[in-house]
Amino acid sequence: MEDDRSGVTSAVSGDRRSSGAAPAEVRLAGRLRRGLAALRSGLFRPLAEDDDRVAYLVRHIRYGIVLSELSALAVLIYSLFTETEARHSPWIFALAAVVVAGCPPILLLPLRDMLLDRRGPVMFYLWTLATTAVIIIATALDGGAESPLDAMLFLTLTYMAVTYSPHGVVAMGTAMTVSYVLAFGLSGLTSSAAFFVVLLIAFTLICTMASVNAWAAHERQTLLISTQRALAATDPLTGIPNRRLFLERLADAVDAAASGARAVVCLVDLDGFKAVNDRAGHGAGDALLQSVASVLGTAVRETDTVARFGGDEFAVLADVTEDFSSEMLAERLRTAVARVGLAVGVTASIGVAEVRAGYGSADLLHRADDAMYRAKAAGGDRVVHQPA
C-alpha cells in the first residue's frame, strides 16, 4: 500500500515537473519569437515616412554614388602611382570599372516608392554588402591586411550611420568584421590585422550610437511637425477640422469634380445659440458646440469632413451618390442638430451647394452661405439648396 502511495506521489511530482517545464519552454519560445520579430522590424524598418525624408534620402543616395565613383578613382590612382602588389593589376582596374558602371543605375530604381517600405533597407544592405566585397577583394589583391585599401570600410560605415537604423548599422558592421576576419585571419591574425578588427568593432559601436541619436532626433522632429500640423488644422474647442483644413479638402473636391466625382458643401448655422450664452453662460454654449460637432460627425461617413468655421457656424463636405443624395445628407444634419439642441431650443439653418468643376472654393462657399441665409430668413430649422 505504501509502495502504491509513493508511486502515486512520484507520478504527481513528475507531472508537476513536466507541466512546469512545458510552460517554461513555451515562455522561452515566445521570447525568441518576440525577439526575432523585434529584430526583423528593426532591420527592415522603412527609412522614410514622408516626402521630405524621401527627398533627403534620394539626395543621400546621389552623394553615395558620387562617393563611390571618387573612391574608385582614388584606388585607380593609388594602383597606378604606388609601388604595391596591386600596381597595374588588371583585377584592380576591373573592380574600379564595376563600381563606376554599377553605381549610377541605382538612380533608375523607383527610389521614392522603395524608401517608403522595406525595399529601401534591403537596397542599402545589398549595396553595402557589395561594397564590402569589393573592398575586401581589392585589399586582398594589394597584399592583404597590410594594404591601406581596407580603410575604405570605415568610409562605408560612416555613410551607413546617417542612413540605417541602429539594427542595420550593427548588422552591416558585423558583416564587415566577419568578412575581414574570414579573408585575412583564418591562418592567424597578424598584429596589424587584429588591431584593425578592434578598430572596426569600436567604430561600429560609435556609428550605432550615432544612428540611435539620429533616429531619436528624427522621431522627435517628426512628432513635433505632425503635432504642429494637427494643431494648425484643428479647432481647439471641438477637436474637429478648422476652416483652413476644410478649404484644403474643398479644393481637392473641386479638382475631383472635373473627373466626375460628386460632392456637396453644407453650411450649418445654429438658430438660437446666442440665447444659450445669454441664459446659461459661455460654458454652456461651448458644451453645446462640442455636442453639435459630435452629432454632425456621426451623421456623415468617415470619408466626409465636418469643420467649424468659427462661432456657431459649421461646414460639411461630403460625397453624394444616387443612394445618398444631398437632400438626405442635409436632412440628416438638420435632424441631428435639432435632437441635441432640443432642450435649449437650438436648431440649424443649412445651406447646400453642389461642388462643380469650374467653381472656385470661394464661389462654392458663397453659394452655400447665400442658401444658408435664406434658410435662416425663412424661420430657421430648415434646409435650402442653392440651384446648380
Protein backbone atom coordinates (compact mmCIF):
# COMPACT_ATOMS: atom_id res chain seq x y z
CA MET A 1 0.00 0.00 0.00
CA GLU A 2 2.83 2.34 0.91
CA ASP A 3 4.52 1.48 -2.36
CA ASP A 4 1.34 2.39 -4.19
CA ARG A 5 1.11 5.71 -2.40
CA SER A 6 4.73 6.50 -3.08
CA GLY A 7 4.23 5.58 -6.73
CA VAL A 8 1.24 7.91 -6.96
CA THR A 9 3.20 10.69 -5.26
CA SER A 10 6.11 10.24 -7.65
CA ALA A 11 3.79 10.32 -10.62
CA VAL A 12 2.12 13.50 -9.40
CA SER A 13 5.51 15.12 -8.78
CA GLY A 14 6.63 14.04 -12.21
CA ASP A 15 3.51 15.53 -13.75
CA ARG A 16 4.12 18.79 -11.90
CA ARG A 17 7.70 18.93 -13.08
CA SER A 18 6.68 18.22 -16.65
CA SER A 19 3.81 20.71 -16.51
CA GLY A 20 6.21 23.30 -15.09
CA ALA A 21 8.77 22.56 -17.80
CA ALA A 22 6.29 22.90 -20.60
CA PRO A 23 5.26 26.47 -19.73
CA ALA A 24 8.96 27.37 -19.35
CA GLU A 25 9.64 26.09 -22.85
CA VAL A 26 6.58 27.95 -24.14
CA ARG A 27 7.78 31.16 -22.49
CA LEU A 28 11.25 30.70 -23.98
CA ALA A 29 9.78 30.09 -27.42
CA GLY A 30 7.60 33.17 -27.00
CA ARG A 31 10.59 35.30 -26.08
CA LEU A 32 12.50 34.02 -29.07
CA ARG A 33 9.60 34.82 -31.40
CA ARG A 34 9.25 38.30 -29.95
CA GLY A 35 13.00 38.83 -30.20
CA LEU A 36 13.09 37.73 -33.82
CA ALA A 37 10.07 39.90 -34.62
CA ALA A 38 11.75 42.92 -33.00
CA LEU A 39 14.98 42.21 -34.89
CA ARG A 40 13.14 41.87 -38.20
CA SER A 41 11.20 45.04 -37.52
CA GLY A 42 14.39 46.93 -36.65
CA LEU A 43 16.33 45.67 -39.67
CA PHE A 44 13.59 46.34 -42.20
CA ARG A 45 12.15 49.49 -40.73
CA PRO A 46 11.13 51.90 -43.53
CA LEU A 47 13.69 54.65 -43.86
CA ALA A 48 11.15 57.39 -44.64
CA GLU A 49 7.58 58.29 -43.71
CA ASP A 50 7.03 61.48 -45.69
CA ASP A 51 8.10 63.26 -48.87
CA ASP A 52 10.68 65.45 -47.10
CA ARG A 53 12.51 62.45 -45.69
CA VAL A 54 12.32 60.69 -49.07
CA ALA A 55 13.85 63.72 -50.80
CA TYR A 56 16.66 63.79 -48.23
CA LEU A 57 17.44 60.09 -48.73
CA VAL A 58 17.40 60.39 -52.52
CA ARG A 59 20.00 63.16 -52.22
CA HIS A 60 21.95 60.92 -49.84
CA ILE A 61 21.94 58.13 -52.42
CA ARG A 62 23.26 60.52 -55.07
CA TYR A 63 26.05 61.56 -52.70
CA GLY A 64 26.81 57.88 -52.07
CA ILE A 65 27.14 57.24 -55.79
CA VAL A 66 29.48 60.21 -56.18
CA LEU A 67 31.46 58.98 -53.16
CA SER A 68 31.75 55.51 -54.70
CA GLU A 69 32.93 56.95 -58.01
CA LEU A 70 35.57 59.11 -56.30
CA SER A 71 36.72 56.13 -54.21
CA ALA A 72 37.13 54.03 -57.35
CA LEU A 73 39.12 56.85 -58.95
CA ALA A 74 41.33 57.11 -55.84
CA VAL A 75 42.04 53.37 -55.97
CA LEU A 76 42.99 53.64 -59.64
CA ILE A 77 45.40 56.48 -58.91
CA TYR A 78 46.82 54.51 -55.97
CA SER A 79 47.32 51.46 -58.19
CA LEU A 80 48.99 53.46 -60.95
CA PHE A 81 51.40 55.54 -58.91
CA THR A 82 52.20 53.48 -55.80
CA GLU A 83 54.71 50.66 -55.61
CA THR A 84 52.40 47.95 -54.26
CA GLU A 85 51.35 44.45 -55.21
CA ALA A 86 48.32 45.95 -56.91
CA ARG A 87 50.38 48.19 -59.20
CA HIS A 88 48.89 47.98 -62.70
CA SER A 89 46.80 44.96 -61.63
CA PRO A 90 44.10 44.28 -64.24
CA TRP A 91 41.82 43.00 -61.47
CA ILE A 92 42.01 46.32 -59.64
CA PHE A 93 41.07 48.07 -62.88
CA ALA A 94 38.20 45.61 -63.34
CA LEU A 95 36.87 46.26 -59.82
CA ALA A 96 37.05 50.02 -60.34
CA ALA A 97 35.19 49.64 -63.63
CA VAL A 98 32.48 47.58 -61.90
CA VAL A 99 32.00 50.32 -59.30
CA VAL A 100 31.98 53.13 -61.86
CA ALA A 101 29.49 51.33 -64.11
CA GLY A 102 27.41 49.67 -61.40
CA CYS A 103 26.50 52.55 -59.09
CA PRO A 104 24.72 55.08 -61.38
CA PRO A 105 21.97 52.58 -62.43
CA ILE A 106 20.77 52.70 -58.81
CA LEU A 107 19.15 56.02 -59.72
CA LEU A 108 16.97 54.18 -62.25
CA LEU A 109 15.21 52.28 -59.46
CA PRO A 110 11.84 53.57 -58.13
CA LEU A 111 13.64 55.06 -55.15
CA ARG A 112 10.81 57.27 -53.93
CA ASP A 113 8.49 54.29 -53.57
CA MET A 114 11.16 51.93 -52.25
CA LEU A 115 12.23 54.25 -49.44
CA LEU A 116 8.70 54.22 -48.01
CA ASP A 117 8.66 50.46 -47.44
CA ARG A 118 11.01 47.56 -46.71
CA ARG A 119 12.63 47.66 -50.13
CA GLY A 120 14.64 50.71 -49.03
CA PRO A 121 16.64 48.95 -46.29
CA VAL A 122 17.10 45.88 -48.50
CA MET A 123 18.58 48.04 -51.27
CA PHE A 124 21.01 49.71 -48.86
CA TYR A 125 22.02 46.37 -47.32
CA LEU A 126 22.77 44.86 -50.74
CA TRP A 127 24.70 47.97 -51.72
CA THR A 128 26.76 47.81 -48.51
CA LEU A 129 27.48 44.09 -48.85
CA ALA A 130 28.57 44.56 -52.47
CA THR A 131 30.80 47.47 -51.45
CA THR A 132 32.30 45.38 -48.65
CA ALA A 133 33.04 42.54 -51.07
CA VAL A 134 34.77 44.91 -53.50
CA ILE A 135 36.89 46.45 -50.72
CA ILE A 136 37.89 43.05 -49.31
CA ILE A 137 38.88 41.75 -52.76
CA ALA A 138 40.84 44.91 -53.56
CA THR A 139 42.62 44.66 -50.20
CA ALA A 140 43.49 41.02 -50.86
CA LEU A 141 44.89 41.90 -54.29
CA ASP A 142 47.02 44.61 -52.69
CA GLY A 143 48.74 42.37 -50.17
CA GLY A 144 46.06 41.65 -47.60
CA ALA A 145 45.93 43.13 -44.12
CA GLU A 146 48.98 45.32 -44.78
CA SER A 147 47.16 47.23 -47.55
CA PRO A 148 45.67 50.64 -46.75
CA LEU A 149 42.66 49.94 -49.00
CA ASP A 150 40.77 48.27 -46.16
CA ALA A 151 40.38 51.75 -44.61
CA MET A 152 37.53 52.30 -47.07
CA LEU A 153 35.43 50.08 -44.79
CA PHE A 154 35.38 52.97 -42.32
CA LEU A 155 34.13 55.25 -45.09
CA THR A 156 31.30 52.80 -45.78
CA LEU A 157 30.41 52.58 -42.09
CA THR A 158 30.28 56.37 -41.80
CA TYR A 159 27.93 56.57 -44.78
CA MET A 160 25.72 53.93 -43.16
CA ALA A 161 25.50 55.68 -39.79
CA VAL A 162 23.45 58.58 -41.16
CA THR A 163 21.05 56.32 -43.05
CA TYR A 164 20.48 52.94 -41.46
CA SER A 165 18.52 52.09 -38.36
CA PRO A 166 20.70 51.10 -35.38
CA HIS A 167 19.90 47.43 -36.07
CA GLY A 168 21.12 47.87 -39.64
CA VAL A 169 24.38 49.52 -38.56
CA VAL A 170 25.12 46.65 -36.16
CA ALA A 171 24.25 44.03 -38.78
CA MET A 172 26.36 45.56 -41.54
CA GLY A 173 29.26 46.37 -39.18
CA THR A 174 29.23 42.76 -38.01
CA ALA A 175 29.15 41.54 -41.61
CA MET A 176 32.18 43.70 -42.45
CA THR A 177 34.11 42.49 -39.42
CA VAL A 178 33.34 38.83 -40.07
CA SER A 179 34.25 39.21 -43.75
CA TYR A 180 37.57 40.80 -42.85
CA VAL A 181 38.40 38.05 -40.34
CA LEU A 182 37.45 35.30 -42.80
CA ALA A 183 39.55 36.88 -45.54
CA PHE A 184 42.69 37.70 -43.56
CA GLY A 185 42.54 35.91 -40.22
CA LEU A 186 41.88 32.23 -40.90
CA SER A 187 45.59 31.50 -40.98
CA GLY A 188 46.16 33.63 -37.89
CA LEU A 189 45.60 37.32 -37.35
CA THR A 190 48.68 39.48 -37.61
CA SER A 191 49.05 42.25 -35.06
CA SER A 192 48.04 44.89 -37.65
CA ALA A 193 45.00 42.86 -38.75
CA ALA A 194 43.92 42.27 -35.13
CA PHE A 195 44.30 46.00 -34.42
CA PHE A 196 42.21 46.78 -37.50
CA VAL A 197 39.47 44.38 -36.34
CA VAL A 198 39.35 46.05 -32.91
CA LEU A 199 39.08 49.46 -34.57
CA LEU A 200 36.32 48.18 -36.86
CA ILE A 201 34.32 46.87 -33.90
CA ALA A 202 34.80 50.11 -31.96
CA PHE A 203 33.84 52.20 -34.98
CA THR A 204 30.71 50.08 -35.47
CA LEU A 205 29.68 50.83 -31.88
CA ILE A 206 30.29 54.56 -32.39
CA CYS A 207 28.26 54.54 -35.61
CA THR A 208 25.48 52.63 -33.85
CA MET A 209 25.29 55.28 -31.12
CA ALA A 210 25.24 57.99 -33.79
CA SER A 211 22.41 56.15 -35.56
CA VAL A 212 20.44 55.83 -32.31
CA ASN A 213 20.75 59.57 -31.66
CA ALA A 214 19.93 60.47 -35.28
CA TRP A 215 16.80 58.32 -35.36
CA ALA A 216 15.66 59.61 -31.95
CA ALA A 217 16.08 63.20 -33.16
CA HIS A 218 14.24 62.36 -36.37
CA GLU A 219 11.35 60.80 -34.44
CA ARG A 220 11.10 63.84 -32.14
CA GLN A 221 11.12 66.17 -35.11
CA THR A 222 8.50 64.10 -36.93
CA LEU A 223 6.27 64.07 -33.84
CA LEU A 224 6.69 67.83 -33.39
CA ILE A 225 5.85 68.56 -37.02
CA SER A 226 2.80 66.27 -37.01
CA THR A 227 1.60 67.86 -33.75
CA GLN A 228 2.01 71.36 -35.17
CA ARG A 229 0.16 70.40 -38.32
CA ALA A 230 -2.65 68.85 -36.30
CA LEU A 231 -2.94 71.94 -34.11
CA ALA A 232 -2.89 74.24 -37.14
CA ALA A 233 -5.73 72.28 -38.78
CA THR A 234 -7.89 71.58 -35.72
CA ASP A 235 -10.47 73.71 -33.91
CA PRO A 236 -9.27 73.84 -30.29
CA LEU A 237 -12.75 73.80 -28.73
CA THR A 238 -14.42 70.95 -30.63
CA GLY A 239 -11.39 68.99 -31.86
CA ILE A 240 -12.71 68.84 -35.44
CA PRO A 241 -11.05 70.35 -38.54
CA ASN A 242 -10.97 74.13 -38.82
CA ARG A 243 -11.60 76.41 -41.77
CA ARG A 244 -8.05 76.03 -43.08
CA LEU A 245 -8.19 72.25 -43.42
CA PHE A 246 -11.74 72.39 -44.79
CA LEU A 247 -10.63 74.72 -47.60
CA GLU A 248 -7.77 72.37 -48.49
CA ARG A 249 -10.15 69.44 -48.79
CA LEU A 250 -12.68 71.54 -50.67
CA ALA A 251 -10.00 72.41 -53.23
CA ASP A 252 -9.31 68.68 -53.66
CA ALA A 253 -13.04 68.06 -54.13
CA VAL A 254 -13.19 70.74 -56.83
CA ASP A 255 -10.33 69.03 -58.66
CA ALA A 256 -12.06 65.66 -58.31
CA ALA A 257 -15.29 67.13 -59.71
CA ALA A 258 -13.52 67.58 -63.04
CA SER A 259 -13.27 63.77 -63.19
CA GLY A 260 -16.95 63.26 -62.44
CA ALA A 261 -16.86 62.92 -58.64
CA ARG A 262 -19.93 64.34 -56.88
CA ALA A 263 -19.81 66.24 -53.61
CA VAL A 264 -21.72 68.96 -51.75
CA VAL A 265 -20.92 71.73 -49.30
CA CYS A 266 -23.32 72.27 -46.40
CA LEU A 267 -23.02 75.35 -44.20
CA VAL A 268 -24.71 74.79 -40.84
CA ASP A 269 -25.58 77.84 -38.72
CA LEU A 270 -27.21 77.36 -35.31
CA ASP A 271 -30.55 79.10 -34.62
CA GLY A 272 -30.98 80.46 -31.10
CA PHE A 273 -27.42 79.88 -30.00
CA LYS A 274 -26.91 83.40 -28.64
CA ALA A 275 -29.79 82.88 -26.24
CA VAL A 276 -27.99 79.87 -24.75
CA ASN A 277 -24.95 82.00 -23.98
CA ASP A 278 -27.15 84.76 -22.53
CA ARG A 279 -29.16 82.42 -20.30
CA ALA A 280 -26.63 79.83 -19.18
CA GLY A 281 -23.25 81.40 -19.90
CA HIS A 282 -20.48 80.69 -22.33
CA GLY A 283 -19.59 77.40 -20.65
CA ALA A 284 -22.99 76.01 -21.62
CA GLY A 285 -22.56 77.44 -25.12
CA ASP A 286 -19.17 75.74 -25.51
CA ALA A 287 -20.60 72.43 -24.31
CA LEU A 288 -23.40 72.73 -26.89
CA LEU A 289 -20.91 73.45 -29.68
CA GLN A 290 -18.97 70.34 -28.73
CA SER A 291 -22.17 68.28 -28.77
CA VAL A 292 -23.16 69.66 -32.17
CA ALA A 293 -19.71 68.84 -33.58
CA SER A 294 -20.06 65.31 -32.26
CA VAL A 295 -23.52 64.65 -33.72
CA LEU A 296 -22.57 66.17 -37.08
CA GLY A 297 -19.62 63.80 -37.19
CA THR A 298 -21.85 60.80 -36.53
CA ALA A 299 -24.30 61.95 -39.21
CA VAL A 300 -21.72 61.66 -42.01
CA ARG A 301 -19.30 59.00 -43.18
CA GLU A 302 -15.66 58.70 -42.14
CA THR A 303 -14.54 59.94 -45.54
CA ASP A 304 -16.56 63.17 -45.20
CA THR A 305 -15.38 66.32 -43.43
CA VAL A 306 -17.07 68.27 -40.65
CA ALA A 307 -15.37 71.54 -39.73
CA ARG A 308 -16.03 74.51 -37.51
CA PHE A 309 -15.75 77.85 -39.25
CA GLY A 310 -15.99 79.87 -36.07
CA GLY A 311 -18.69 80.96 -33.64
CA ASP A 312 -21.76 78.79 -34.15
CA GLU A 313 -21.12 78.04 -37.83
CA PHE A 314 -20.10 74.62 -39.11
CA ALA A 315 -19.34 73.29 -42.58
CA VAL A 316 -19.72 69.82 -44.05
CA LEU A 317 -18.07 68.47 -47.21
CA ALA A 318 -19.48 65.11 -48.28
CA ASP A 319 -19.56 62.83 -51.29
CA VAL A 320 -23.02 62.12 -52.67
CA THR A 321 -24.37 59.28 -54.76
CA GLU A 322 -27.72 58.12 -56.08
CA ASP A 323 -28.24 56.22 -52.84
CA PHE A 324 -27.04 59.05 -50.62
CA SER A 325 -28.24 62.37 -52.05
CA SER A 326 -27.54 65.88 -50.84
CA GLU A 327 -31.15 66.12 -49.65
CA MET A 328 -30.72 63.05 -47.46
CA LEU A 329 -27.44 64.35 -46.07
CA ALA A 330 -28.77 67.83 -45.25
CA GLU A 331 -31.91 66.47 -43.60
CA ARG A 332 -29.79 64.11 -41.51
CA LEU A 333 -27.66 67.04 -40.37
CA ARG A 334 -30.70 69.17 -39.53
CA THR A 335 -32.32 66.36 -37.54
CA ALA A 336 -29.09 65.67 -35.62
CA VAL A 337 -28.78 69.31 -34.52
CA ALA A 338 -32.47 69.52 -33.62
CA ARG A 339 -32.14 66.45 -31.42
CA VAL A 340 -29.10 67.64 -29.48
CA GLY A 341 -30.45 71.20 -29.20
CA LEU A 342 -33.99 70.27 -28.24
CA ALA A 343 -33.58 71.01 -24.53
CA VAL A 344 -32.26 74.54 -25.14
CA GLY A 345 -34.29 75.48 -28.21
CA VAL A 346 -31.44 75.35 -30.72
CA THR A 347 -31.94 74.25 -34.34
CA ALA A 348 -29.96 74.65 -37.57
CA SER A 349 -30.30 76.60 -40.80
CA ILE A 350 -28.48 74.73 -43.56
CA GLY A 351 -27.40 75.95 -46.97
CA VAL A 352 -26.36 73.40 -49.58
CA ALA A 353 -24.31 73.95 -52.74
CA GLU A 354 -23.15 71.23 -55.11
CA VAL A 355 -19.43 71.07 -55.88
CA ARG A 356 -18.96 71.55 -59.61
CA ALA A 357 -15.90 71.81 -61.82
CA GLY A 358 -15.19 75.39 -62.80
CA TYR A 359 -16.26 76.86 -59.47
CA GLY A 360 -13.59 78.04 -57.06
CA SER A 361 -13.74 77.29 -53.36
CA ALA A 362 -14.73 80.86 -52.58
CA ASP A 363 -17.59 80.69 -55.11
CA LEU A 364 -18.93 77.46 -53.62
CA LEU A 365 -18.80 78.82 -50.08
CA HIS A 366 -20.57 81.99 -51.21
CA ARG A 367 -23.33 79.94 -52.82
CA ALA A 368 -23.77 77.77 -49.73
CA ASP A 369 -23.66 80.83 -47.48
CA ASP A 370 -26.37 82.54 -49.55
CA ALA A 371 -28.58 79.45 -49.28
CA MET A 372 -27.97 79.25 -45.53
CA TYR A 373 -29.04 82.88 -45.00
CA ARG A 374 -32.20 82.25 -46.99
CA ALA A 375 -32.96 79.30 -44.71
CA LYS A 376 -32.44 81.48 -41.64
CA ALA A 377 -34.56 84.30 -43.08
CA ALA A 378 -37.36 81.82 -43.65
CA GLY A 379 -37.52 81.00 -39.95
CA GLY A 380 -34.63 78.58 -39.44
CA ASP A 381 -34.67 74.86 -38.75
CA ARG A 382 -34.72 74.14 -42.46
CA VAL A 383 -32.59 73.31 -45.48
CA VAL A 384 -32.21 75.44 -48.62
CA HIS A 385 -30.46 74.10 -51.71
CA GLN A 386 -28.68 76.53 -53.99
CA PRO A 387 -29.76 75.80 -57.60
CA ALA A 388 -26.99 74.32 -59.73
